[in-house]
Amino acid sequence: MFSRVERQATRFHEMVDRIGADPVALARLDQGRAYEQARSACLFCRKTDACLRWLDARSETDRIPEFCPNLELLMALRKLNKNG
């Protein structure tokens, strides 16, 4: 169980980086509750295979991971990151 949680956490941070979301803004949003909820959503997500394929497909950086339960949040933080 511990190794599964660690792998999910790593994927979550890779997704944040790959999408270009601001990790500091995510950590601060709603006093950290948004980060906690997003990590939990990732931990219990059933799209792990699709996530790994998307993260590994470096040549497809323009494709949006529509399967991601955190997509809306991460895209909003991407806009903040690019505008700020």
Protein backbone atom coordinates (compact mmCIF):
# COMPACT_ATOMS: atom_id res chain seq x y z
CA MET A 1 0.00 0.00 0.00
CA PHE A 2 2.80 2.42 0.87
CA SER A 3 4.54 1.99 -2.47
CA ARG A 4 1.24 2.52 -4.32
CA VAL A 5 0.66 5.78 -2.47
CA GLU A 6 4.21 6.91 -3.24
CA ARG A 7 3.80 6.09 -6.95
CA GLN A 8 0.52 8.01 -7.09
CA ALA A 9 2.13 11.00 -5.38
CA THR A 10 4.94 10.98 -7.90
CA ARG A 11 2.47 10.85 -10.79
CA PHE A 12 0.49 13.71 -9.30
CA HIS A 13 3.56 15.94 -9.15
CA GLU A 14 4.58 14.91 -12.67
CA MET A 15 1.10 15.89 -13.87
CA VAL A 16 1.33 19.27 -12.14
CA ASP A 17 4.70 19.89 -13.80
CA ARG A 18 3.69 18.61 -17.21
CA ILE A 19 0.53 20.73 -17.33
CA GLY A 20 2.48 23.72 -16.12
CA ALA A 21 0.38 24.43 -13.03
CA ASP A 22 1.90 26.59 -10.33
CA PRO A 23 2.67 24.20 -7.44
CA VAL A 24 3.01 27.03 -4.92
CA ALA A 25 -0.41 28.41 -5.84
CA LEU A 26 -1.82 24.89 -5.53
CA ALA A 27 -0.30 24.45 -2.08
CA ARG A 28 -1.69 27.80 -0.92
CA LEU A 29 -5.15 27.49 -2.45
CA ASP A 30 -7.88 27.21 0.17
CA GLN A 31 -5.24 26.93 2.90
CA GLY A 32 -3.89 23.69 1.44
CA ARG A 33 -7.24 21.94 1.20
CA ALA A 34 -7.28 22.07 -2.62
CA TYR A 35 -3.88 20.33 -2.69
CA GLU A 36 -5.10 17.69 -0.26
CA GLN A 37 -8.26 17.05 -2.27
CA ALA A 38 -6.35 16.88 -5.56
CA ARG A 39 -3.85 14.39 -4.12
CA SER A 40 -6.71 12.28 -2.79
CA ALA A 41 -8.46 12.37 -6.16
CA CYS A 42 -5.23 11.17 -7.77
CA LEU A 43 -4.72 8.45 -5.18
CA PHE A 44 -8.15 6.96 -5.80
CA CYS A 45 -8.27 7.60 -9.55
CA ARG A 46 -9.03 4.58 -11.72
CA LYS A 47 -7.29 6.03 -14.80
CA THR A 48 -3.75 5.14 -13.73
CA ASP A 49 -2.92 3.40 -17.01
CA ALA A 50 -4.10 6.36 -19.11
CA CYS A 51 -2.17 8.71 -16.82
CA LEU A 52 1.06 6.77 -17.17
CA ARG A 53 0.70 6.58 -20.95
CA TRP A 54 0.07 10.34 -21.14
CA LEU A 55 3.01 11.17 -18.90
CA ASP A 56 5.30 8.86 -20.90
CA ALA A 57 4.21 10.28 -24.27
CA ARG A 58 6.50 13.30 -24.16
CA SER A 59 5.88 14.04 -27.85
CA GLU A 60 2.18 14.68 -27.19
CA THR A 61 2.60 17.64 -24.86
CA ASP A 62 -0.18 19.60 -26.57
CA ARG A 63 -2.83 16.98 -25.83
CA ILE A 64 -4.87 17.67 -22.72
CA PRO A 65 -5.33 14.75 -20.29
CA GLU A 66 -9.13 14.85 -20.30
CA PHE A 67 -9.23 11.70 -18.14
CA CYS A 68 -7.63 13.52 -15.17
CA PRO A 69 -10.00 14.26 -12.27
CA ASN A 70 -7.82 17.28 -11.40
CA LEU A 71 -7.72 18.74 -14.89
CA GLU A 72 -9.95 21.76 -14.23
CA LEU A 73 -8.00 22.76 -11.13
CA LEU A 74 -4.59 22.28 -12.75
CA MET A 75 -5.58 24.19 -15.88
CA ALA A 76 -6.84 27.10 -13.74
CA LEU A 77 -3.51 27.18 -11.92
CA ARG A 78 -1.71 27.04 -15.24
CA LYS A 79 -3.51 30.20 -16.31
CA LEU A 80 -2.54 31.88 -13.05
CA ASN A 81 1.06 30.78 -13.56
CA LYS A 82 1.22 32.12 -17.13
CA ASN A 83 -0.52 35.40 -16.27
CA GLY A 84 1.34 36.06 -13.06
